[in-house]
Amino acid sequence: MDDVSTTAETVPATNGIVSASAIPADELARLTDDIVSALKTVYDPEIPADIYELGLVYKIDIEDDRSVKIDMTLTAPGCPVAGEMPGWVENAVGAVEGVSGVEVSMVFDPPWTPDRMSEEAQVAVGWY
């Protein structure tokens, strides 16, 4: 569903950590886990599920300098919190120990659809 990568290559988050990174594998694994945990603290105010489980996070890049670049979307382009959500994500991920900076890009291609939601999110909204 989501990608975690370094500048060297992109791999699905569920398939492990990229070993070509200048960041030691154990630190990269911790950073990845902590970033995902931080993303799970950010909720769409209209849906009782976090943005990670909703599938709103399309890509997480952890650079060798420990800066993080995130591509994310919204459930709808006209979402009332469109202007605020990137700041919420930046603040949450920026608080992770070891992260040197965060850049959040809002993307709308591909458009978000409910099939991006995890089973956990489907349960939270009563769709499962």
N, C-alpha and C. Protein backbone atom coordinates (compact mmCIF):
# COMPACT_ATOMS: atom_id res chain seq x y z
N MET A 1 0.83 -1.18 0.00
CA MET A 1 0.00 0.00 0.00
C MET A 1 0.87 1.25 0.00
N ASP A 2 1.79 1.40 0.96
CA ASP A 2 2.61 2.58 1.08
C ASP A 2 4.05 2.22 0.81
N ASP A 3 4.83 3.20 0.41
CA ASP A 3 6.23 2.97 0.14
C ASP A 3 7.08 3.69 1.17
N VAL A 4 8.13 3.04 1.62
CA VAL A 4 9.15 3.64 2.45
C VAL A 4 10.43 3.47 1.67
N SER A 5 11.19 4.54 1.51
CA SER A 5 12.39 4.42 0.71
C SER A 5 13.47 5.35 1.19
N THR A 6 14.66 5.11 0.67
CA THR A 6 15.76 6.04 0.81
C THR A 6 15.99 6.62 -0.57
N THR A 7 17.00 7.44 -0.69
CA THR A 7 17.28 8.00 -2.00
C THR A 7 17.73 6.92 -2.99
N ALA A 8 18.17 5.77 -2.49
CA ALA A 8 18.70 4.72 -3.36
C ALA A 8 17.61 3.96 -4.11
N GLU A 9 16.56 3.55 -3.41
CA GLU A 9 15.50 2.79 -4.06
C GLU A 9 14.22 2.87 -3.24
N THR A 10 13.14 2.40 -3.84
CA THR A 10 11.85 2.39 -3.17
C THR A 10 11.43 0.95 -2.96
N VAL A 11 10.93 0.66 -1.75
CA VAL A 11 10.43 -0.67 -1.45
C VAL A 11 9.13 -0.55 -0.69
N PRO A 12 8.23 -1.50 -0.87
CA PRO A 12 7.02 -1.47 -0.06
C PRO A 12 7.37 -1.57 1.42
N ALA A 13 6.68 -0.80 2.26
CA ALA A 13 6.96 -0.76 3.69
C ALA A 13 6.89 -2.14 4.32
N THR A 14 6.03 -3.00 3.83
CA THR A 14 5.85 -4.32 4.43
C THR A 14 6.94 -5.30 4.02
N ASN A 15 7.79 -4.93 3.06
CA ASN A 15 8.82 -5.85 2.59
C ASN A 15 10.17 -5.64 3.24
N GLY A 16 10.29 -4.72 4.17
CA GLY A 16 11.55 -4.55 4.85
C GLY A 16 12.19 -3.21 4.58
N ILE A 17 13.45 -3.14 4.90
CA ILE A 17 14.20 -1.90 4.86
C ILE A 17 15.25 -1.98 3.75
N VAL A 18 15.49 -0.88 3.09
CA VAL A 18 16.49 -0.80 2.03
C VAL A 18 17.87 -0.84 2.67
N SER A 19 18.73 -1.72 2.22
CA SER A 19 20.05 -1.83 2.79
C SER A 19 21.05 -0.89 2.12
N ALA A 20 20.72 -0.28 0.99
CA ALA A 20 21.62 0.61 0.29
C ALA A 20 21.70 1.99 0.92
N SER A 21 20.98 2.22 1.97
CA SER A 21 20.96 3.51 2.65
C SER A 21 22.25 3.72 3.44
N ALA A 22 22.63 4.98 3.60
CA ALA A 22 23.76 5.32 4.47
C ALA A 22 23.35 5.20 5.94
N ILE A 23 22.07 5.12 6.21
CA ILE A 23 21.56 4.97 7.58
C ILE A 23 21.65 3.48 7.94
N PRO A 24 22.22 3.16 9.10
CA PRO A 24 22.28 1.75 9.51
C PRO A 24 20.88 1.12 9.52
N ALA A 25 20.81 -0.15 9.14
CA ALA A 25 19.53 -0.84 8.99
C ALA A 25 18.68 -0.79 10.25
N ASP A 26 19.29 -0.96 11.43
CA ASP A 26 18.49 -0.95 12.66
C ASP A 26 17.92 0.43 12.94
N GLU A 27 18.69 1.48 12.64
CA GLU A 27 18.18 2.85 12.83
C GLU A 27 17.10 3.16 11.81
N LEU A 28 17.28 2.70 10.57
CA LEU A 28 16.28 2.92 9.54
C LEU A 28 14.97 2.22 9.90
N ALA A 29 15.07 1.02 10.46
CA ALA A 29 13.87 0.29 10.89
C ALA A 29 13.17 1.05 12.02
N ARG A 30 13.93 1.56 12.97
CA ARG A 30 13.33 2.32 14.07
C ARG A 30 12.68 3.60 13.55
N LEU A 31 13.39 4.32 12.68
CA LEU A 31 12.83 5.55 12.10
C LEU A 31 11.53 5.25 11.37
N THR A 32 11.54 4.20 10.57
CA THR A 32 10.35 3.82 9.81
C THR A 32 9.18 3.55 10.75
N ASP A 33 9.42 2.71 11.75
CA ASP A 33 8.35 2.38 12.72
C ASP A 33 7.85 3.63 13.44
N ASP A 34 8.78 4.49 13.85
CA ASP A 34 8.39 5.69 14.59
C ASP A 34 7.64 6.68 13.70
N ILE A 35 8.02 6.78 12.43
CA ILE A 35 7.32 7.67 11.50
C ILE A 35 5.91 7.17 11.26
N VAL A 36 5.75 5.87 11.05
CA VAL A 36 4.42 5.30 10.85
C VAL A 36 3.57 5.51 12.10
N SER A 37 4.18 5.30 13.27
CA SER A 37 3.44 5.54 14.53
C SER A 37 3.01 6.99 14.64
N ALA A 38 3.87 7.91 14.25
CA ALA A 38 3.53 9.33 14.29
C ALA A 38 2.39 9.64 13.33
N LEU A 39 2.43 9.06 12.14
CA LEU A 39 1.35 9.28 11.16
C LEU A 39 0.02 8.75 11.68
N LYS A 40 0.07 7.70 12.48
CA LYS A 40 -1.16 7.13 13.03
C LYS A 40 -1.77 7.98 14.14
N THR A 41 -1.10 9.08 14.51
CA THR A 41 -1.68 10.01 15.48
C THR A 41 -2.46 11.13 14.81
N VAL A 42 -2.40 11.19 13.48
CA VAL A 42 -3.08 12.24 12.72
C VAL A 42 -4.37 11.66 12.16
N TYR A 43 -5.48 12.27 12.52
CA TYR A 43 -6.80 11.77 12.10
C TYR A 43 -7.48 12.73 11.16
N ASP A 44 -8.20 12.18 10.20
CA ASP A 44 -9.12 12.96 9.40
C ASP A 44 -10.27 13.29 10.32
N PRO A 45 -10.58 14.56 10.54
CA PRO A 45 -11.61 14.92 11.52
C PRO A 45 -13.02 14.45 11.15
N GLU A 46 -13.24 14.07 9.90
CA GLU A 46 -14.57 13.64 9.48
C GLU A 46 -14.73 12.12 9.49
N ILE A 47 -13.61 11.40 9.64
CA ILE A 47 -13.64 9.93 9.60
C ILE A 47 -12.90 9.42 10.83
N PRO A 48 -13.47 8.48 11.57
CA PRO A 48 -12.82 8.02 12.81
C PRO A 48 -11.67 7.03 12.58
N ALA A 49 -10.72 7.42 11.74
CA ALA A 49 -9.55 6.58 11.47
C ALA A 49 -8.37 7.49 11.17
N ASP A 50 -7.17 6.99 11.44
CA ASP A 50 -5.99 7.82 11.19
C ASP A 50 -5.64 7.83 9.70
N ILE A 51 -4.85 8.81 9.30
CA ILE A 51 -4.55 9.00 7.88
C ILE A 51 -3.74 7.86 7.28
N TYR A 52 -2.93 7.20 8.11
CA TYR A 52 -2.13 6.08 7.59
C TYR A 52 -3.03 4.90 7.25
N GLU A 53 -3.92 4.53 8.18
CA GLU A 53 -4.82 3.40 7.94
C GLU A 53 -5.86 3.72 6.87
N LEU A 54 -6.19 4.99 6.71
CA LEU A 54 -7.11 5.39 5.65
C LEU A 54 -6.47 5.27 4.27
N GLY A 55 -5.16 5.15 4.22
CA GLY A 55 -4.47 5.06 2.93
C GLY A 55 -4.22 6.42 2.31
N LEU A 56 -4.20 7.46 3.13
CA LEU A 56 -3.96 8.81 2.60
C LEU A 56 -2.48 9.09 2.39
N VAL A 57 -1.61 8.29 3.01
CA VAL A 57 -0.17 8.45 2.84
C VAL A 57 0.25 7.55 1.68
N TYR A 58 0.70 8.18 0.60
CA TYR A 58 1.08 7.44 -0.59
C TYR A 58 2.54 7.02 -0.58
N LYS A 59 3.41 7.86 0.00
CA LYS A 59 4.84 7.57 -0.07
C LYS A 59 5.57 8.24 1.08
N ILE A 60 6.52 7.52 1.64
CA ILE A 60 7.39 8.04 2.68
C ILE A 60 8.82 7.80 2.22
N ASP A 61 9.58 8.85 2.03
CA ASP A 61 10.99 8.72 1.66
C ASP A 61 11.83 9.19 2.84
N ILE A 62 12.72 8.33 3.30
CA ILE A 62 13.67 8.70 4.35
C ILE A 62 15.01 8.87 3.65
N GLU A 63 15.48 10.11 3.63
CA GLU A 63 16.72 10.42 2.94
C GLU A 63 17.91 10.10 3.84
N ASP A 64 19.10 10.00 3.25
CA ASP A 64 20.30 9.69 4.02
C ASP A 64 20.61 10.73 5.10
N ASP A 65 20.16 11.98 4.90
CA ASP A 65 20.38 13.02 5.92
C ASP A 65 19.28 13.00 6.99
N ARG A 66 18.43 11.98 6.93
CA ARG A 66 17.33 11.74 7.88
C ARG A 66 16.18 12.74 7.73
N SER A 67 16.15 13.42 6.59
CA SER A 67 14.97 14.23 6.29
C SER A 67 13.92 13.28 5.70
N VAL A 68 12.66 13.64 5.87
CA VAL A 68 11.57 12.77 5.44
C VAL A 68 10.70 13.53 4.45
N LYS A 69 10.41 12.89 3.34
CA LYS A 69 9.52 13.47 2.33
C LYS A 69 8.30 12.57 2.25
N ILE A 70 7.13 13.18 2.37
CA ILE A 70 5.88 12.43 2.39
C ILE A 70 4.96 12.94 1.29
N ASP A 71 4.46 12.01 0.48
CA ASP A 71 3.40 12.32 -0.47
C ASP A 71 2.12 11.79 0.13
N MET A 72 1.13 12.65 0.22
CA MET A 72 -0.16 12.23 0.77
C MET A 72 -1.28 12.89 0.00
N THR A 73 -2.48 12.43 0.28
CA THR A 73 -3.66 12.97 -0.38
C THR A 73 -4.74 13.18 0.66
N LEU A 74 -5.89 13.54 0.20
CA LEU A 74 -7.07 13.73 1.05
C LEU A 74 -8.18 12.85 0.51
N THR A 75 -9.19 12.62 1.32
CA THR A 75 -10.31 11.82 0.85
C THR A 75 -11.04 12.53 -0.29
N ALA A 76 -10.97 13.85 -0.30
CA ALA A 76 -11.57 14.65 -1.38
C ALA A 76 -10.78 15.94 -1.51
N PRO A 77 -10.52 16.43 -2.73
CA PRO A 77 -9.75 17.66 -2.91
C PRO A 77 -10.33 18.86 -2.17
N GLY A 78 -11.64 18.89 -1.98
CA GLY A 78 -12.27 20.01 -1.29
C GLY A 78 -12.38 19.82 0.22
N CYS A 79 -11.60 18.90 0.77
CA CYS A 79 -11.64 18.60 2.21
C CYS A 79 -11.44 19.90 3.00
N PRO A 80 -12.28 20.13 4.03
CA PRO A 80 -12.19 21.37 4.80
C PRO A 80 -10.85 21.57 5.53
N VAL A 81 -10.09 20.51 5.77
CA VAL A 81 -8.81 20.66 6.47
C VAL A 81 -7.62 20.56 5.52
N ALA A 82 -7.86 20.72 4.23
CA ALA A 82 -6.80 20.59 3.23
C ALA A 82 -5.61 21.50 3.53
N GLY A 83 -5.88 22.70 4.00
CA GLY A 83 -4.79 23.63 4.30
C GLY A 83 -4.07 23.32 5.60
N GLU A 84 -4.71 22.60 6.51
CA GLU A 84 -4.14 22.32 7.82
C GLU A 84 -3.45 20.96 7.92
N MET A 85 -3.97 19.97 7.23
CA MET A 85 -3.48 18.60 7.39
C MET A 85 -1.98 18.46 7.12
N PRO A 86 -1.40 19.06 6.07
CA PRO A 86 0.05 18.92 5.88
C PRO A 86 0.84 19.41 7.09
N GLY A 87 0.40 20.45 7.73
CA GLY A 87 1.07 20.94 8.94
C GLY A 87 0.96 19.96 10.09
N TRP A 88 -0.19 19.32 10.22
CA TRP A 88 -0.36 18.31 11.27
C TRP A 88 0.62 17.16 11.05
N VAL A 89 0.75 16.74 9.79
CA VAL A 89 1.65 15.64 9.44
C VAL A 89 3.10 16.07 9.68
N GLU A 90 3.45 17.26 9.25
CA GLU A 90 4.81 17.77 9.45
C GLU A 90 5.15 17.83 10.93
N ASN A 91 4.24 18.31 11.75
CA ASN A 91 4.48 18.39 13.19
C ASN A 91 4.63 17.01 13.82
N ALA A 92 3.77 16.08 13.45
CA ALA A 92 3.81 14.73 14.03
C ALA A 92 5.11 14.02 13.66
N VAL A 93 5.48 14.03 12.39
CA VAL A 93 6.68 13.33 11.93
C VAL A 93 7.93 14.08 12.38
N GLY A 94 7.87 15.40 12.41
CA GLY A 94 9.02 16.19 12.85
C GLY A 94 9.39 15.95 14.30
N ALA A 95 8.45 15.47 15.10
CA ALA A 95 8.71 15.18 16.51
C ALA A 95 9.40 13.83 16.72
N VAL A 96 9.53 13.04 15.66
CA VAL A 96 10.18 11.73 15.78
C VAL A 96 11.68 11.94 16.00
N GLU A 97 12.22 11.27 17.00
CA GLU A 97 13.64 11.37 17.31
C GLU A 97 14.47 10.93 16.11
N GLY A 98 15.41 11.79 15.70
CA GLY A 98 16.29 11.47 14.58
C GLY A 98 15.88 12.06 13.25
N VAL A 99 14.65 12.52 13.13
CA VAL A 99 14.19 13.13 11.88
C VAL A 99 14.73 14.55 11.82
N SER A 100 15.43 14.88 10.72
CA SER A 100 16.06 16.20 10.61
C SER A 100 15.15 17.25 9.98
N GLY A 101 14.11 16.83 9.30
CA GLY A 101 13.19 17.75 8.67
C GLY A 101 12.11 16.98 7.95
N VAL A 102 11.01 17.65 7.66
CA VAL A 102 9.88 16.98 7.01
C VAL A 102 9.34 17.88 5.91
N GLU A 103 9.09 17.27 4.76
CA GLU A 103 8.45 17.96 3.64
C GLU A 103 7.22 17.14 3.25
N VAL A 104 6.07 17.78 3.30
CA VAL A 104 4.82 17.10 2.97
C VAL A 104 4.30 17.67 1.65
N SER A 105 4.07 16.79 0.69
CA SER A 105 3.49 17.20 -0.59
C SER A 105 2.10 16.62 -0.71
N MET A 106 1.16 17.47 -1.05
CA MET A 106 -0.22 17.03 -1.27
C MET A 106 -0.35 16.66 -2.74
N VAL A 107 -0.78 15.43 -3.00
CA VAL A 107 -0.95 14.94 -4.38
C VAL A 107 -2.37 14.42 -4.54
N PHE A 108 -2.88 14.48 -5.74
CA PHE A 108 -4.24 14.01 -6.00
C PHE A 108 -4.29 13.02 -7.15
N ASP A 109 -3.11 12.53 -7.54
CA ASP A 109 -3.05 11.52 -8.59
C ASP A 109 -2.17 10.39 -8.09
N PRO A 110 -2.69 9.22 -7.88
CA PRO A 110 -4.07 8.83 -8.18
C PRO A 110 -5.03 9.35 -7.11
N PRO A 111 -6.28 9.55 -7.49
CA PRO A 111 -7.26 9.99 -6.50
C PRO A 111 -7.46 8.91 -5.43
N TRP A 112 -7.72 9.35 -4.21
CA TRP A 112 -7.98 8.41 -3.12
C TRP A 112 -9.33 7.73 -3.35
N THR A 113 -9.38 6.45 -3.05
CA THR A 113 -10.63 5.70 -3.06
C THR A 113 -10.67 4.86 -1.79
N PRO A 114 -11.86 4.47 -1.34
CA PRO A 114 -11.97 3.68 -0.11
C PRO A 114 -11.22 2.35 -0.14
N ASP A 115 -10.89 1.83 -1.32
CA ASP A 115 -10.17 0.56 -1.36
C ASP A 115 -8.73 0.69 -0.87
N ARG A 116 -8.25 1.90 -0.63
CA ARG A 116 -6.92 2.13 -0.06
C ARG A 116 -6.93 1.94 1.46
N MET A 117 -8.12 1.87 2.04
CA MET A 117 -8.23 1.74 3.50
C MET A 117 -7.79 0.36 3.97
N SER A 118 -7.11 0.33 5.11
CA SER A 118 -6.75 -0.94 5.71
C SER A 118 -8.00 -1.57 6.33
N GLU A 119 -7.88 -2.83 6.68
CA GLU A 119 -8.99 -3.51 7.36
C GLU A 119 -9.32 -2.79 8.67
N GLU A 120 -8.28 -2.32 9.36
CA GLU A 120 -8.49 -1.58 10.62
C GLU A 120 -9.36 -0.34 10.40
N ALA A 121 -9.08 0.41 9.34
CA ALA A 121 -9.86 1.60 9.04
C ALA A 121 -11.29 1.22 8.64
N GLN A 122 -11.43 0.15 7.89
CA GLN A 122 -12.78 -0.30 7.49
C GLN A 122 -13.61 -0.66 8.71
N VAL A 123 -12.98 -1.31 9.68
CA VAL A 123 -13.68 -1.65 10.92
C VAL A 123 -14.07 -0.37 11.66
N ALA A 124 -13.15 0.59 11.72
CA ALA A 124 -13.41 1.84 12.43
C ALA A 124 -14.60 2.62 11.87
N VAL A 125 -14.79 2.54 10.57
CA VAL A 125 -15.90 3.27 9.96
C VAL A 125 -17.13 2.39 9.76
N GLY A 126 -17.04 1.14 10.20
CA GLY A 126 -18.19 0.24 10.12
C GLY A 126 -18.43 -0.35 8.76
N TRP A 127 -17.38 -0.47 7.94
CA TRP A 127 -17.53 -1.01 6.59
C TRP A 127 -17.14 -2.47 6.51
N TYR A 128 -16.73 -3.07 7.63
CA TYR A 128 -16.21 -4.44 7.56
C TYR A 128 -16.98 -5.33 8.50
